[in-house]
């Protein structure tokens, strides 16, 4: 019985440690608007292409949260630089075709927005 109790404690400590570190881990939109160079009044866009990656930061080196498809709704807050070759930061307005939840914040390449 003592071995089971010790094993349970080890599992509990590991779970709490992992959970604690996960709570401190950056969120999917950790870069957030801090990378923005141009702010805008909130504007709604539709995604104009299929297969656009919705990312945790402005660039291909950031992790993809999911894929956006033509017609998915995106609320734009700001972008990295002029519209051409820039990345736009915003949130998903309603569940996307690929299942990204409303309110999820992230980045998409600006030329994929209409």
C-alpha atoms as a PDB file:
ATOM      1  CA  UNK A   1       0.000   0.000   0.000  1.00  0.00           C
ATOM      2  CA  UNK A   2       2.889   2.390   0.790  1.00  0.00           C
ATOM      3  CA  UNK A   3       4.277   1.969  -2.751  1.00  0.00           C
ATOM      4  CA  UNK A   4       0.891   2.877  -4.301  1.00  0.00           C
ATOM      5  CA  UNK A   5       0.680   5.980  -2.115  1.00  0.00           C
ATOM      6  CA  UNK A   6       4.194   7.100  -3.080  1.00  0.00           C
ATOM      7  CA  UNK A   7       3.487   6.416  -6.751  1.00  0.00           C
ATOM      8  CA  UNK A   8       0.277   8.452  -6.486  1.00  0.00           C
ATOM      9  CA  UNK A   9       2.200  11.325  -4.912  1.00  0.00           C
ATOM     10  CA  UNK A  10       4.788  11.239  -7.702  1.00  0.00           C
ATOM     11  CA  UNK A  11       2.034  11.334 -10.326  1.00  0.00           C
ATOM     12  CA  UNK A  12       0.282  14.173  -8.483  1.00  0.00           C
ATOM     13  CA  UNK A  13       3.469  16.228  -8.166  1.00  0.00           C
ATOM     14  CA  UNK A  14       4.291  15.637 -11.837  1.00  0.00           C
ATOM     15  CA  UNK A  15       0.786  16.656 -12.894  1.00  0.00           C
ATOM     16  CA  UNK A  16       0.883  19.803 -10.770  1.00  0.00           C
ATOM     17  CA  UNK A  17       4.334  20.681 -12.035  1.00  0.00           C
ATOM     18  CA  UNK A  18       3.328  20.150 -15.653  1.00  0.00           C
ATOM     19  CA  UNK A  19       0.045  21.970 -15.158  1.00  0.00           C
ATOM     20  CA  UNK A  20       1.837  24.845 -13.473  1.00  0.00           C
ATOM     21  CA  UNK A  21       4.344  25.134 -16.270  1.00  0.00           C
ATOM     22  CA  UNK A  22       1.579  24.932 -18.841  1.00  0.00           C
ATOM     23  CA  UNK A  23      -0.233  27.756 -17.068  1.00  0.00           C
ATOM     24  CA  UNK A  24       2.929  29.858 -17.398  1.00  0.00           C
ATOM     25  CA  UNK A  25       3.531  28.893 -21.025  1.00  0.00           C
ATOM     26  CA  UNK A  26       2.747  31.595 -23.572  1.00  0.00           C
ATOM     27  CA  UNK A  27      -0.707  31.538 -25.095  1.00  0.00           C
ATOM     28  CA  UNK A  28      -1.341  30.898 -28.767  1.00  0.00           C
ATOM     29  CA  UNK A  29      -1.284  34.626 -29.452  1.00  0.00           C
ATOM     30  CA  UNK A  30       1.669  35.353 -27.183  1.00  0.00           C
ATOM     31  CA  UNK A  31       3.158  37.824 -29.658  1.00  0.00           C
ATOM     32  CA  UNK A  32      -0.173  39.625 -29.651  1.00  0.00           C
ATOM     33  CA  UNK A  33      -0.379  43.171 -30.832  1.00  0.00           C
ATOM     34  CA  UNK A  34       3.119  44.001 -29.564  1.00  0.00           C
ATOM     35  CA  UNK A  35       4.483  43.307 -33.071  1.00  0.00           C
ATOM     36  CA  UNK A  36       2.021  45.737 -34.683  1.00  0.00           C
ATOM     37  CA  UNK A  37       3.267  48.842 -36.426  1.00  0.00           C
ATOM     38  CA  UNK A  38      -0.084  50.073 -37.759  1.00  0.00           C
ATOM     39  CA  UNK A  39      -3.224  50.044 -35.640  1.00  0.00           C
ATOM     40  CA  UNK A  40      -6.667  50.329 -37.125  1.00  0.00           C
ATOM     41  CA  UNK A  41     -10.224  50.646 -35.983  1.00  0.00           C
ATOM     42  CA  UNK A  42     -11.603  47.127 -35.743  1.00  0.00           C
ATOM     43  CA  UNK A  43     -12.528  45.995 -39.257  1.00  0.00           C
ATOM     44  CA  UNK A  44     -14.078  42.690 -40.278  1.00  0.00           C
ATOM     45  CA  UNK A  45     -12.561  40.798 -43.191  1.00  0.00           C
ATOM     46  CA  UNK A  46     -13.283  37.557 -44.969  1.00  0.00           C
ATOM     47  CA  UNK A  47     -10.435  35.218 -45.834  1.00  0.00           C
ATOM     48  CA  UNK A  48      -9.935  35.328 -49.597  1.00  0.00           C
ATOM     49  CA  UNK A  49      -8.073  32.052 -50.116  1.00  0.00           C
ATOM     50  CA  UNK A  50      -8.151  28.498 -48.867  1.00  0.00           C
ATOM     51  CA  UNK A  51      -5.265  27.095 -46.880  1.00  0.00           C
ATOM     52  CA  UNK A  52      -4.089  30.283 -45.121  1.00  0.00           C
ATOM     53  CA  UNK A  53      -2.251  29.476 -41.911  1.00  0.00           C
ATOM     54  CA  UNK A  54      -3.497  31.216 -38.755  1.00  0.00           C
ATOM     55  CA  UNK A  55      -0.375  31.666 -36.620  1.00  0.00           C
ATOM     56  CA  UNK A  56       0.819  32.571 -33.131  1.00  0.00           C
ATOM     57  CA  UNK A  57       2.992  35.375 -34.503  1.00  0.00           C
ATOM     58  CA  UNK A  58       3.651  37.422 -37.643  1.00  0.00           C
ATOM     59  CA  UNK A  59       5.652  35.086 -39.851  1.00  0.00           C
ATOM     60  CA  UNK A  60       6.148  31.536 -41.042  1.00  0.00           C
ATOM     61  CA  UNK A  61       8.502  30.772 -38.150  1.00  0.00           C
ATOM     62  CA  UNK A  62       5.561  30.937 -35.722  1.00  0.00           C
ATOM     63  CA  UNK A  63       3.425  27.900 -34.942  1.00  0.00           C
ATOM     64  CA  UNK A  64       0.215  27.466 -36.939  1.00  0.00           C
ATOM     65  CA  UNK A  65      -2.922  27.487 -34.770  1.00  0.00           C
ATOM     66  CA  UNK A  66      -5.010  26.201 -37.649  1.00  0.00           C
ATOM     67  CA  UNK A  67      -5.971  26.741 -41.255  1.00  0.00           C
ATOM     68  CA  UNK A  68      -8.297  29.423 -42.609  1.00  0.00           C
ATOM     69  CA  UNK A  69     -10.459  28.919 -45.665  1.00  0.00           C
ATOM     70  CA  UNK A  70     -12.189  31.221 -48.136  1.00  0.00           C
ATOM     71  CA  UNK A  71     -15.082  32.972 -46.392  1.00  0.00           C
ATOM     72  CA  UNK A  72     -13.895  32.510 -42.783  1.00  0.00           C
ATOM     73  CA  UNK A  73     -14.505  35.698 -40.738  1.00  0.00           C
ATOM     74  CA  UNK A  74     -11.598  37.622 -39.209  1.00  0.00           C
ATOM     75  CA  UNK A  75     -11.667  40.848 -37.156  1.00  0.00           C
ATOM     76  CA  UNK A  76      -8.554  42.860 -37.940  1.00  0.00           C
ATOM     77  CA  UNK A  77      -6.916  44.969 -35.196  1.00  0.00           C
ATOM     78  CA  UNK A  78      -3.503  45.880 -36.619  1.00  0.00           C
ATOM     79  CA  UNK A  79      -0.664  44.795 -38.918  1.00  0.00           C
ATOM     80  CA  UNK A  80       3.107  44.670 -39.021  1.00  0.00           C
ATOM     81  CA  UNK A  81       3.716  47.246 -41.784  1.00  0.00           C
ATOM     82  CA  UNK A  82       2.173  48.443 -45.055  1.00  0.00           C
ATOM     83  CA  UNK A  83      -0.519  46.087 -46.370  1.00  0.00           C
ATOM     84  CA  UNK A  84       1.698  44.457 -48.977  1.00  0.00           C
ATOM     85  CA  UNK A  85       3.882  41.727 -47.431  1.00  0.00           C
ATOM     86  CA  UNK A  86       2.518  42.367 -43.949  1.00  0.00           C
ATOM     87  CA  UNK A  87       0.876  40.210 -41.302  1.00  0.00           C
ATOM     88  CA  UNK A  88      -2.458  41.101 -39.727  1.00  0.00           C
ATOM     89  CA  UNK A  89      -3.358  40.479 -36.087  1.00  0.00           C
ATOM     90  CA  UNK A  90      -6.930  39.874 -35.047  1.00  0.00           C
ATOM     91  CA  UNK A  91      -9.456  37.337 -33.868  1.00  0.00           C
ATOM     92  CA  UNK A  92     -11.775  34.760 -35.338  1.00  0.00           C
ATOM     93  CA  UNK A  93     -15.409  35.960 -35.338  1.00  0.00           C
ATOM     94  CA  UNK A  94     -17.197  32.631 -35.712  1.00  0.00           C
ATOM     95  CA  UNK A  95     -16.052  29.028 -35.790  1.00  0.00           C
ATOM     96  CA  UNK A  96     -13.932  28.545 -38.896  1.00  0.00           C
ATOM     97  CA  UNK A  97     -14.294  25.854 -41.505  1.00  0.00           C
ATOM     98  CA  UNK A  98     -11.356  24.045 -39.876  1.00  0.00           C
ATOM     99  CA  UNK A  99     -12.823  24.419 -36.367  1.00  0.00           C
ATOM    100  CA  UNK A 100     -10.890  27.344 -34.870  1.00  0.00           C
ATOM    101  CA  UNK A 101     -13.059  28.757 -32.090  1.00  0.00           C
ATOM    102  CA  UNK A 102     -14.538  32.265 -32.096  1.00  0.00           C
ATOM    103  CA  UNK A 103     -12.432  34.737 -30.155  1.00  0.00           C
ATOM    104  CA  UNK A 104      -9.143  32.958 -30.909  1.00  0.00           C
ATOM    105  CA  UNK A 105      -6.505  35.604 -31.589  1.00  0.00           C
ATOM    106  CA  UNK A 106      -3.635  35.232 -33.997  1.00  0.00           C
ATOM    107  CA  UNK A 107      -1.926  36.321 -37.185  1.00  0.00           C
ATOM    108  CA  UNK A 108      -2.652  35.796 -40.884  1.00  0.00           C
ATOM    109  CA  UNK A 109      -0.766  37.012 -43.955  1.00  0.00           C
ATOM    110  CA  UNK A 110      -2.539  40.265 -44.924  1.00  0.00           C
ATOM    111  CA  UNK A 111      -2.857  39.481 -48.631  1.00  0.00           C
ATOM    112  CA  UNK A 112      -5.177  36.581 -47.731  1.00  0.00           C
ATOM    113  CA  UNK A 113      -7.832  39.004 -46.444  1.00  0.00           C
ATOM    114  CA  UNK A 114     -10.568  40.713 -48.490  1.00  0.00           C
END
